[in-house]
Protein backbone atom coordinates (compact mmCIF):
# COMPACT_ATOMS: atom_id res chain seq x y z
CA MET A 1 -0.02 0.11 0.24
CA ALA A 2 1.39 3.24 -0.98
CA GLY A 3 2.15 5.63 1.74
CA PRO A 4 0.99 9.22 1.98
CA ARG A 5 4.11 10.48 0.34
CA ALA A 6 3.89 8.28 -2.73
CA THR A 7 0.35 9.47 -3.12
CA ARG A 8 1.13 13.02 -3.19
CA MET A 9 4.00 12.55 -5.98
CA ASN A 10 1.61 10.50 -8.13
CA ILE A 11 -0.74 13.70 -8.38
CA PRO A 12 1.59 15.81 -10.25
CA LEU A 13 2.86 12.81 -12.35
CA ARG A 14 -0.94 12.06 -13.23
CA ARG A 15 -1.35 15.47 -14.41
CA VAL A 16 1.76 15.30 -16.31
CA ALA A 17 0.79 12.39 -17.96
CA VAL A 18 -2.80 13.57 -18.94
CA GLY A 19 -0.96 16.62 -20.42
CA CYS A 20 1.31 14.52 -22.56
CA ALA A 21 -1.92 12.36 -23.53
CA VAL A 22 -3.71 15.79 -24.63
CA MET A 23 -1.00 17.11 -26.35
CA ALA A 24 -0.21 13.98 -28.32
CA PHE A 25 -4.03 13.41 -29.16
CA ALA A 26 -4.04 16.90 -30.45
CA LEU A 27 -0.73 16.23 -32.56
CA MET A 28 -2.51 13.42 -34.21
CA ALA A 29 -5.61 15.14 -34.43
CA ASN A 30 -3.73 18.01 -36.35
CA VAL A 31 -1.71 15.55 -38.40
CA THR A 32 -4.98 13.82 -39.44
CA LEU A 33 -6.59 17.57 -40.24
CA ILE A 34 -3.59 18.23 -42.40
CA GLN A 35 -3.36 14.94 -44.29
CA ALA A 36 -6.95 14.39 -44.66
CA PHE A 37 -8.37 17.94 -45.14
CA ARG A 38 -5.40 20.49 -45.88
CA PHE A 39 -3.34 18.26 -48.32
CA GLU A 40 -4.44 20.05 -51.52
CA THR A 41 -3.84 23.61 -49.95
CA LEU A 42 -0.39 22.25 -48.86
CA ALA A 43 0.70 20.84 -52.18
CA ASN A 44 -0.53 23.98 -53.82
CA ASP A 45 1.36 26.49 -52.26
CA PRO A 46 3.65 28.12 -53.88
CA ARG A 47 6.46 27.87 -51.28
CA ASN A 48 6.21 23.91 -51.28
CA LEU A 49 8.66 23.01 -54.00
CA ARG A 50 8.33 19.24 -53.24
CA PRO A 51 5.69 18.75 -55.89
CA THR A 52 7.40 20.72 -58.59
CA ILE A 53 10.43 19.02 -57.99
CA GLU A 54 8.63 15.73 -58.31
CA ARG A 55 6.78 17.19 -61.64
CA PHE A 56 10.37 17.29 -63.19
CA ALA A 57 12.16 14.42 -61.89
CA HIS A 58 10.96 11.67 -64.27
CA PRO A 59 10.51 11.95 -68.15
CA ARG A 60 7.65 13.13 -69.14
CA GLY A 61 5.74 11.60 -72.26
CA GLU A 62 6.15 13.48 -75.68
CA ILE A 63 3.67 15.19 -77.96
CA LEU A 64 3.64 14.54 -81.47
CA LEU A 65 2.23 15.07 -84.80
CA ARG A 66 -0.09 12.66 -86.47
CA ASP A 67 3.06 11.73 -88.71
CA GLY A 68 5.44 11.19 -85.46
CA THR A 69 7.28 14.20 -85.55
CA VAL A 70 7.99 15.21 -81.90
CA VAL A 71 6.76 19.05 -80.96
CA ALA A 72 7.35 18.47 -77.24
CA THR A 73 9.82 16.43 -75.48
CA GLY A 74 12.30 16.27 -72.54
CA ARG A 75 15.92 17.08 -72.09
CA PRO A 76 18.23 16.86 -69.04
CA GLY A 77 17.93 19.78 -66.61
CA ASP A 78 19.83 20.23 -63.57
CA ARG A 79 20.93 18.59 -60.00
CA ARG A 80 17.13 19.59 -58.67
CA TYR A 81 14.99 19.53 -61.33
CA ARG A 82 16.27 16.68 -63.79
CA TYR A 83 14.17 16.86 -66.93
CA ARG A 84 13.25 20.26 -68.81
CA ARG A 85 10.75 20.82 -71.63
CA VAL A 86 11.67 21.50 -75.01
CA TYR A 87 9.30 22.75 -77.83
CA THR A 88 10.12 22.30 -81.50
CA ASP A 89 8.62 25.45 -83.71
CA GLY A 90 7.15 26.44 -80.52
CA PRO A 91 5.42 29.64 -81.63
CA MET A 92 3.71 27.71 -84.55
CA TYR A 93 2.53 25.00 -82.08
CA ALA A 94 1.78 27.03 -79.11
CA PRO A 95 -1.92 26.98 -79.38
CA VAL A 96 -2.08 23.25 -79.10
CA THR A 97 0.99 22.24 -76.71
CA GLY A 98 0.52 25.00 -74.50
CA HIS A 99 3.65 24.86 -72.23
CA LEU A 100 4.53 23.64 -68.87
CA SER A 101 6.45 25.60 -66.28
CA MET A 102 7.19 25.42 -62.44
CA TYR A 103 3.89 27.27 -61.78
CA GLY A 104 1.64 25.28 -64.08
CA ALA A 105 0.69 24.32 -67.61
CA THR A 106 -1.68 25.49 -70.59
CA GLY A 107 -2.77 23.46 -73.48
CA VAL A 108 -2.25 19.95 -74.31
CA GLU A 109 0.22 19.97 -71.42
CA LEU A 110 -2.80 20.41 -68.97
CA ALA A 111 -5.51 18.77 -70.66
CA GLU A 112 -3.69 15.62 -70.99
CA ASP A 113 -1.46 16.10 -67.85
CA GLY A 114 -2.29 12.96 -66.04
CA VAL A 115 -1.21 10.91 -69.33
CA LEU A 116 2.16 12.89 -70.10
CA SER A 117 3.34 12.67 -66.41
CA GLY A 118 1.90 9.02 -65.74
CA THR A 119 -0.39 9.85 -63.07
CA ASP A 120 -3.47 8.88 -65.02
CA PRO A 121 -4.73 5.34 -63.58
CA LYS A 122 -4.75 3.60 -67.20
CA VAL A 123 -1.36 4.81 -67.77
CA ARG A 124 0.34 3.85 -64.12
CA LEU A 125 -1.16 0.46 -64.52
CA ARG A 126 -0.37 -0.42 -68.03
CA SER A 127 3.23 0.95 -67.49
CA LEU A 128 3.43 -1.27 -64.27
CA ILE A 129 2.20 -4.09 -65.72
CA THR A 130 4.56 -3.63 -69.10
CA ASN A 131 7.64 -2.40 -67.67
CA GLY A 132 7.35 -2.73 -63.97
CA VAL A 133 8.06 1.29 -63.58
CA GLU A 134 5.87 4.19 -63.74
CA GLN A 135 6.45 6.65 -66.84
CA GLY A 136 4.57 9.13 -68.71
CA ALA A 137 2.76 8.10 -72.01
CA SER A 138 3.14 10.09 -75.53
CA VAL A 139 0.13 11.72 -77.12
CA ARG A 140 -0.11 11.61 -80.79
CA LEU A 141 -1.99 14.55 -81.92
CA THR A 142 -4.11 14.81 -84.98
CA ILE A 143 -2.22 17.89 -86.28
CA ASP A 144 -1.05 17.90 -89.93
CA GLY A 145 2.44 19.62 -89.82
CA ARG A 146 2.02 20.82 -93.38
CA ALA A 147 -1.57 22.37 -92.83
CA GLN A 148 -0.33 24.05 -89.53
CA ARG A 149 2.78 25.60 -91.26
CA ALA A 150 0.27 26.84 -94.02
CA ALA A 151 -2.08 28.05 -91.66
CA TYR A 152 0.59 29.85 -89.18
CA GLU A 153 2.72 31.39 -91.80
CA GLY A 154 -0.48 32.51 -93.78
CA LEU A 155 -1.74 34.44 -90.76
CA MET A 156 1.67 35.78 -90.10
CA ALA A 157 1.87 37.11 -93.43
CA THR A 158 -1.08 39.32 -93.26
CA GLY A 159 0.27 41.11 -90.30
CA HIS A 160 -3.21 40.85 -88.64
CA LYS A 161 -4.40 39.08 -85.37
CA GLY A 162 -6.30 35.87 -86.18
CA ALA A 163 -6.87 32.19 -86.21
CA ALA A 164 -7.21 29.33 -88.72
CA VAL A 165 -8.65 25.84 -87.99
CA ALA A 166 -8.65 22.61 -90.43
CA ILE A 167 -10.72 19.71 -89.68
CA ASP A 168 -11.16 16.47 -91.35
CA PRO A 169 -15.05 16.28 -91.96
CA ALA A 170 -15.36 12.31 -92.18
CA THR A 171 -13.74 11.66 -88.48
CA GLY A 172 -13.70 15.35 -86.88
CA ALA A 173 -9.67 14.80 -86.40
CA ILE A 174 -8.19 18.74 -86.24
CA LEU A 175 -5.59 19.11 -88.89
CA ALA A 176 -4.64 22.20 -88.24
CA LEU A 177 -5.25 24.75 -85.46
CA ALA A 178 -3.16 28.09 -85.32
CA SER A 179 -3.52 31.55 -83.73
CA TYR A 180 -1.47 34.61 -84.37
CA PRO A 181 0.13 36.36 -82.79
CA SER A 182 1.87 33.34 -80.84
CA TYR A 183 4.53 33.08 -78.41
CA ASP A 184 7.61 30.67 -77.71
CA PRO A 185 6.52 28.28 -75.13
CA ASN A 186 10.33 27.40 -74.33
CA VAL A 187 10.63 30.72 -72.45
CA TYR A 188 8.48 28.80 -69.68
CA SER A 189 10.94 26.15 -69.48
CA THR A 190 13.34 27.74 -67.71
CA PHE A 191 13.91 26.94 -63.71
CA ASP A 192 15.34 30.42 -63.07
CA THR A 193 12.19 31.99 -61.40
CA ARG A 194 13.26 35.60 -62.12
CA GLN A 195 13.67 34.90 -65.74
CA LEU A 196 10.32 32.84 -65.69
CA GLU A 197 8.36 35.64 -63.75
CA GLU A 198 9.87 38.24 -66.32
CA ALA A 199 8.77 36.15 -69.25
CA ASP A 200 5.35 35.53 -68.22
CA ARG A 201 5.03 39.45 -67.12
CA ARG A 202 6.27 40.27 -70.72
CA LEU A 203 3.86 38.11 -72.65
CA ARG A 204 0.66 38.83 -70.36
CA ARG A 205 1.03 42.67 -70.53
CA ASP A 206 1.77 42.31 -74.33
CA PRO A 207 -1.33 44.34 -76.07
CA THR A 208 -1.42 41.74 -78.93
CA ARG A 209 -2.26 38.93 -76.58
CA PRO A 210 0.00 36.34 -77.51
CA LEU A 211 -1.02 33.99 -74.94
CA LEU A 212 -4.64 33.88 -76.15
CA ASN A 213 -5.82 31.23 -78.04
CA ARG A 214 -7.98 33.01 -80.67
CA ALA A 215 -9.13 29.62 -82.53
CA THR A 216 -10.85 28.28 -79.44
CA SER A 217 -11.08 30.81 -76.79
CA ARG A 218 -12.20 33.78 -78.48
CA THR A 219 -15.59 34.58 -80.29
CA TYR A 220 -16.24 36.77 -83.13
CA PRO A 221 -19.41 38.06 -85.39
CA PRO A 222 -19.66 35.07 -88.01
CA GLY A 223 -20.43 37.68 -90.63
CA SER A 224 -21.93 36.29 -94.04
CA THR A 225 -20.51 32.80 -93.19
CA PHE A 226 -23.53 32.38 -91.00
CA LYS A 227 -25.85 32.65 -94.50
CA ILE A 228 -25.00 29.10 -94.88
CA ILE A 229 -27.17 28.63 -91.57
CA THR A 230 -29.68 30.81 -93.02
CA ALA A 231 -29.91 28.90 -96.39
CA ALA A 232 -30.15 25.73 -94.60
CA ALA A 233 -33.12 27.09 -92.48
CA ALA A 234 -34.71 28.16 -95.79
CA LEU A 235 -34.03 24.88 -97.38
CA GLY A 236 -35.08 22.57 -94.69
CA THR A 237 -38.51 24.03 -94.63
CA GLY A 238 -39.18 22.68 -98.10
CA TYR A 239 -40.63 25.97 -99.53
CA TYR A 240 -37.06 26.90 -100.82
CA SER A 241 -34.78 25.60 -103.30
CA PRO A 242 -31.64 27.12 -104.84
CA GLU A 243 -33.97 28.21 -107.85
CA THR A 244 -36.14 29.86 -105.81
CA VAL A 245 -36.43 33.75 -106.59
CA VAL A 246 -35.59 35.79 -103.66
CA SER A 247 -36.13 39.83 -102.96
CA ALA A 248 -32.83 41.53 -102.99
CA PRO A 249 -33.44 45.27 -103.20
CA VAL A 250 -30.47 47.75 -103.30
CA GLY A 251 -31.62 48.90 -99.64
CA LEU A 252 -33.84 47.09 -97.09
CA ARG A 253 -35.30 49.37 -94.10
CA LEU A 254 -35.00 47.29 -90.92
CA PRO A 255 -38.36 47.05 -89.21
CA GLY A 256 -39.16 49.65 -86.41
CA THR A 257 -35.87 51.30 -87.45
CA SER A 258 -34.71 54.36 -89.63
CA THR A 259 -31.70 52.07 -90.63
CA THR A 260 -31.45 51.01 -94.26
CA LEU A 261 -29.37 47.91 -94.67
CA ARG A 262 -27.26 47.81 -97.90
CA ASN A 263 -25.17 45.23 -99.71
CA ALA A 264 -21.28 45.33 -99.51
CA GLY A 265 -20.02 48.54 -101.31
CA GLY A 266 -23.76 49.42 -101.67
CA GLU A 267 -24.01 47.30 -104.66
CA ALA A 268 -27.27 46.00 -106.41
CA CYS A 269 -27.80 42.25 -105.94
CA GLY A 270 -28.26 41.22 -109.72
CA ASN A 271 -31.60 42.66 -111.03
CA GLY A 272 -32.91 42.44 -107.58
CA ARG A 273 -34.72 39.24 -107.80
CA PRO A 274 -32.14 36.68 -108.16
CA THR A 275 -32.36 33.07 -107.41
CA LEU A 276 -31.33 31.88 -103.56
CA ALA A 277 -28.34 30.39 -105.29
CA ARG A 278 -27.28 33.50 -107.28
CA ALA A 279 -28.01 35.51 -103.90
CA PHE A 280 -25.55 33.20 -102.18
CA GLN A 281 -22.82 33.56 -104.72
CA LEU A 282 -23.06 37.23 -104.44
CA SER A 283 -23.59 37.32 -100.68
CA CYS A 284 -26.46 39.47 -100.96
CA ASN A 285 -27.01 41.17 -97.52
CA THR A 286 -30.50 42.25 -98.29
CA ALA A 287 -31.75 39.19 -99.61
CA PHE A 288 -30.57 36.94 -96.54
CA ALA A 289 -31.94 39.67 -94.11
CA GLY A 290 -35.39 39.43 -95.83
CA LEU A 291 -35.08 35.61 -95.74
CA GLY A 292 -34.34 35.93 -91.75
CA LEU A 293 -37.45 38.05 -91.30
CA ARG A 294 -39.48 35.32 -93.28
CA LEU A 295 -38.18 32.52 -91.47
CA GLY A 296 -38.14 34.01 -87.86
CA GLN A 297 -35.89 33.81 -84.88
CA ASP A 298 -37.18 30.67 -83.95
CA ALA A 299 -36.23 28.85 -86.90
CA LEU A 300 -32.49 30.63 -87.28
CA ARG A 301 -31.91 29.54 -83.80
CA ALA A 302 -32.87 25.83 -84.39
CA GLN A 303 -30.93 25.65 -87.33
CA ALA A 304 -27.76 27.47 -85.62
CA GLU A 305 -28.19 25.07 -82.75
CA ALA A 306 -28.23 21.87 -84.64
CA PHE A 307 -24.89 23.16 -86.02
CA GLY A 308 -23.66 23.51 -82.16
CA PHE A 309 -24.46 26.89 -81.02
CA ASN A 310 -25.74 27.49 -77.62
CA GLY A 311 -24.43 24.08 -76.65
CA ASP A 312 -22.34 22.72 -73.73
CA ARG A 313 -19.10 23.81 -73.61
CA LEU A 314 -16.80 21.75 -76.09
CA ALA A 315 -13.60 20.28 -75.04
CA ILE A 316 -11.09 18.90 -77.94
CA PRO A 317 -9.70 18.37 -75.06
CA LEU A 318 -8.76 21.85 -74.98
CA PRO A 319 -11.52 24.00 -73.69
CA VAL A 320 -13.51 25.90 -76.34
CA ALA A 321 -15.78 29.06 -75.94
CA ARG A 322 -19.59 28.60 -76.34
CA SER A 323 -20.91 30.11 -79.92
CA VAL A 324 -23.90 31.97 -79.49
CA TYR A 325 -26.77 32.87 -81.44
CA PRO A 326 -28.96 35.47 -79.39
CA SER A 327 -32.55 34.91 -77.81
CA ASN A 328 -35.56 37.58 -77.54
CA LEU A 329 -34.64 39.39 -80.67
CA ASP A 330 -36.94 42.17 -82.46
CA ASP A 331 -37.53 41.94 -86.13
CA ALA A 332 -34.24 44.19 -87.01
CA GLN A 333 -32.16 42.27 -84.88
CA THR A 334 -33.62 38.91 -86.45
CA ALA A 335 -32.86 40.47 -89.83
CA MET A 336 -29.03 41.31 -88.72
CA SER A 337 -28.75 37.99 -86.73
CA ALA A 338 -29.50 36.05 -90.45
CA ILE A 339 -26.37 37.59 -92.07
CA GLY A 340 -24.06 36.83 -88.90
CA GLN A 341 -24.40 40.37 -87.14
CA TYR A 342 -25.89 41.63 -84.13
CA ASP A 343 -25.10 39.25 -81.27
CA ASP A 344 -23.95 36.36 -83.31
CA ARG A 345 -20.76 35.00 -81.93
CA VAL A 346 -18.50 32.42 -83.33
CA THR A 347 -14.95 30.66 -82.35
CA PRO A 348 -13.05 30.19 -85.72
CA LEU A 349 -13.34 26.39 -84.79
CA MET A 350 -17.13 26.54 -84.87
CA ILE A 351 -16.61 28.62 -88.25
CA THR A 352 -14.98 25.33 -89.71
CA MET A 353 -17.48 22.96 -87.94
CA ILE A 354 -20.29 24.83 -90.28
CA SER A 355 -18.54 23.62 -93.36
CA ALA A 356 -17.42 20.34 -91.95
CA ALA A 357 -20.96 19.57 -91.14
CA VAL A 358 -22.34 20.40 -94.93
CA ALA A 359 -19.27 18.33 -96.37
CA ALA A 360 -20.35 15.38 -94.42
CA ARG A 361 -24.00 15.66 -95.62
CA GLY A 362 -25.16 16.87 -92.52
CA ALA A 363 -23.19 14.48 -90.11
CA LEU A 364 -21.03 16.59 -88.04
CA MET A 365 -18.43 14.64 -86.16
CA ARG A 366 -16.93 15.93 -82.71
CA PRO A 367 -13.70 17.81 -83.33
CA TYR A 368 -10.91 16.19 -81.34
CA LEU A 369 -6.78 16.82 -81.20
CA VAL A 370 -5.68 13.66 -79.42
CA ASP A 371 -5.05 10.51 -81.92
CA GLU A 372 -3.87 8.18 -79.50
CA VAL A 373 -2.00 7.51 -76.44
CA ARG A 374 1.17 5.17 -76.20
CA LEU A 375 3.53 3.91 -73.48
CA ARG A 376 7.44 4.34 -74.60
CA ASP A 377 7.39 0.83 -75.79
CA GLY A 378 4.79 1.51 -78.40
CA THR A 379 1.95 0.07 -76.34
CA VAL A 380 -1.22 1.84 -77.06
CA VAL A 381 -2.94 2.92 -73.96
CA SER A 382 -6.15 4.65 -75.96
CA VAL A 383 -7.25 5.53 -79.35
CA THR A 384 -10.09 8.06 -80.01
CA ASP A 385 -13.01 6.88 -81.80
CA PRO A 386 -14.95 9.60 -83.99
CA VAL A 387 -18.36 10.62 -82.30
CA ARG A 388 -21.18 12.17 -84.34
CA TYR A 389 -23.58 14.93 -83.31
CA PRO A 390 -26.99 14.57 -84.06
CA ARG A 391 -27.75 15.29 -87.92
CA THR A 392 -27.59 18.98 -88.70
CA VAL A 393 -29.26 18.96 -92.14
CA SER A 394 -30.81 16.28 -94.36
CA ARG A 395 -28.28 14.75 -96.81
CA GLU A 396 -30.45 16.53 -99.50
CA VAL A 397 -30.08 19.98 -97.78
CA ALA A 398 -26.45 19.36 -97.43
CA ASP A 399 -25.90 18.47 -101.24
CA ARG A 400 -28.07 21.51 -102.23
CA LEU A 401 -25.92 23.76 -99.96
CA THR A 402 -22.97 22.24 -101.30
CA ALA A 403 -23.84 23.24 -105.09
CA MET A 404 -24.59 26.71 -104.05
CA MET A 405 -21.03 26.68 -101.84
CA VAL A 406 -19.07 25.68 -104.99
CA THR A 407 -20.00 28.75 -107.03
CA VAL A 408 -18.51 31.11 -104.48
CA THR A 409 -15.22 29.89 -105.67
CA GLN A 410 -16.24 29.80 -109.36
CA PRO A 411 -15.73 33.06 -111.61
CA GLY A 412 -18.20 35.85 -110.49
CA GLY A 413 -18.22 34.48 -106.78
CA THR A 414 -16.88 36.11 -103.82
CA GLY A 415 -14.61 33.54 -102.84
CA SER A 416 -12.49 32.92 -106.22
CA ALA A 417 -9.30 33.44 -104.36
CA ALA A 418 -9.53 30.39 -102.72
CA ALA A 419 -9.97 28.51 -106.13
CA ILE A 420 -7.53 25.34 -106.90
CA SER A 421 -6.98 24.18 -110.44
CA GLY A 422 -8.91 21.28 -110.89
CA VAL A 423 -10.45 20.76 -107.57
CA ASP A 424 -14.10 21.97 -106.77
CA ILE A 425 -14.02 24.01 -103.84
CA ALA A 426 -17.05 24.57 -101.68
CA ALA A 427 -16.81 27.96 -99.67
CA LYS A 428 -18.39 31.16 -98.13
CA THR A 429 -16.93 34.49 -97.63
CA GLY A 430 -17.59 36.68 -94.76
CA THR A 431 -17.01 40.47 -93.64
CA ALA A 432 -18.01 41.00 -90.13
CA GLU A 433 -18.51 44.13 -88.69
CA ASN A 434 -17.02 44.41 -85.41
CA ALA A 435 -16.95 47.95 -84.28
CA ALA A 436 -17.91 51.40 -85.43
CA ASP A 437 -14.20 52.47 -85.54
CA ALA A 438 -12.62 49.47 -86.60
CA ARG A 439 -11.74 47.73 -89.77
CA ASP A 440 -14.32 44.81 -90.53
CA HIS A 441 -12.77 41.26 -89.77
CA ALA A 442 -12.27 39.07 -92.70
CA VAL A 443 -13.89 35.54 -92.47
CA PHE A 444 -13.84 32.64 -94.83
CA THR A 445 -14.87 28.88 -94.53
CA ALA A 446 -14.72 26.11 -97.12
CA PHE A 447 -14.27 22.66 -97.71
CA ALA A 448 -12.69 20.29 -100.52
CA PRO A 449 -12.85 18.45 -102.77
CA ALA A 450 -16.63 19.21 -102.73
CA ALA A 451 -17.59 15.55 -104.24
CA ARG A 452 -15.21 13.80 -101.70
CA PRO A 453 -14.36 16.17 -98.83
CA ARG A 454 -11.01 15.66 -97.26
CA VAL A 455 -10.38 18.88 -95.35
CA ALA A 456 -12.81 21.57 -94.09
CA VAL A 457 -11.43 25.16 -93.21
CA GLY A 458 -11.98 28.18 -91.43
CA VAL A 459 -10.00 31.39 -91.07
CA LEU A 460 -10.78 34.45 -89.49
CA VAL A 461 -8.12 38.07 -89.75
CA GLU A 462 -9.17 40.51 -87.30
CA ASN A 463 -9.43 43.70 -88.91
CA GLY A 464 -8.48 41.94 -92.23
CA GLY A 465 -11.38 43.71 -94.65
CA PHE A 466 -13.08 41.44 -96.91
CA GLY A 467 -12.89 37.86 -96.21
CA GLY A 468 -12.46 37.10 -100.05
CA ASP A 469 -9.12 39.17 -100.17
CA THR A 470 -7.20 38.32 -96.79
CA ALA A 471 -8.92 34.91 -95.48
CA ALA A 472 -9.38 33.15 -98.62
CA PRO A 473 -5.96 32.69 -99.65
CA ILE A 474 -5.01 31.47 -96.04
CA ALA A 475 -7.89 28.61 -96.41
CA ARG A 476 -6.63 28.13 -100.00
CA ALA A 477 -2.99 27.42 -98.81
CA ILE A 478 -4.13 24.93 -96.03
CA MET A 479 -6.39 22.97 -98.36
CA LYS A 480 -3.33 22.63 -100.66
CA ALA A 481 -1.33 21.44 -98.17
CA VAL A 482 -3.68 18.80 -97.08
CA LEU A 483 -4.59 17.68 -100.45
């Protein structure tokens, strides 16, 4: 039996033990809290370099064009960061590849980060089974190097900002996706934080916005390229055919306003009573504005939405801005929307998709950039299967639209600058008003060959003026590169 002295000594010991138990419990609770609930916060804290060091500790998968040309790969780094990213023809492919830096990623580097880094569960499992070690997988793109070069160099030659896209209408594979001006993603590959911050600050402050992917992330008025949709809506009613005579006055008073709409240059549209096909070839504003008034905004919106307007945000896997056909229009606004003005907005990708849908006889395919994913030993992890949207127009309407679009590149049409000898080109020009004090945007969309399409293109040159003069030659160069 303990004496009074021992009892008195146990009291402080018990207090110390209880205090230690409380502190141990608090410590374990805090560790649990950090590991379970604050892990991501700490992992993403810029002061925590461990995730960044780990990101560059292993070889990352390569990014390749469809012919196997490598456009993004890894090279030896330094003692802390063992591998750095290197980009071939960086500015040309930057809108597609994006970049990988100490502070993050963009483009395919971001969209396919799990695959490229090897953290994607499918890639990790396959690599462990096949090679016994974790490794990043390579991403083969759908991009055609010749088409991409034609698109980028064509835009650069204009001296204007803009974008160009090419799609295989049969599959939806994106053959070119260019944006100008661009930037060199290699400036983001440095591990010198001061250089990295200076380069990023310079690019973000550049008024030409070279970091902006104009092909997917910016929307523009489509101008007269929207007349494809207006014509599709008219033909789809069954009351119109390419031979139907339509009214095309020199000037059209917009309902409820004092504004008179005129054709480009104030010119007459034939004798004022052209066929629908002739009005399309000449791109008569008054004819299509009047057609829009007769069809009504609901019919125009339904047809636009069939082509992908107002839909869910598309990922290719790069995120794509929504193309929009507006709601709650009055008659004057409806007339302007029928010719691609008012609040109509499209991405250059959507401009291309419009032609691709007609080229595929109404069977629009979902556009995509990644063809397949492979491990370093050649093991295929995944292959992209083409996906078709609900039908945009009937085959009959698509065939009629094709015939009308072919006349645009023939003598007397507005898109003759896109003509290729021996090849029938189906096209539509556009000149999109964008601001009262700015030059119009030049827009052009086309596909070729008209009978057996292999490529659809869309080009937009900011403040480029008439689409048939500025954008059409770029589209021609892209189509020639593919064909």
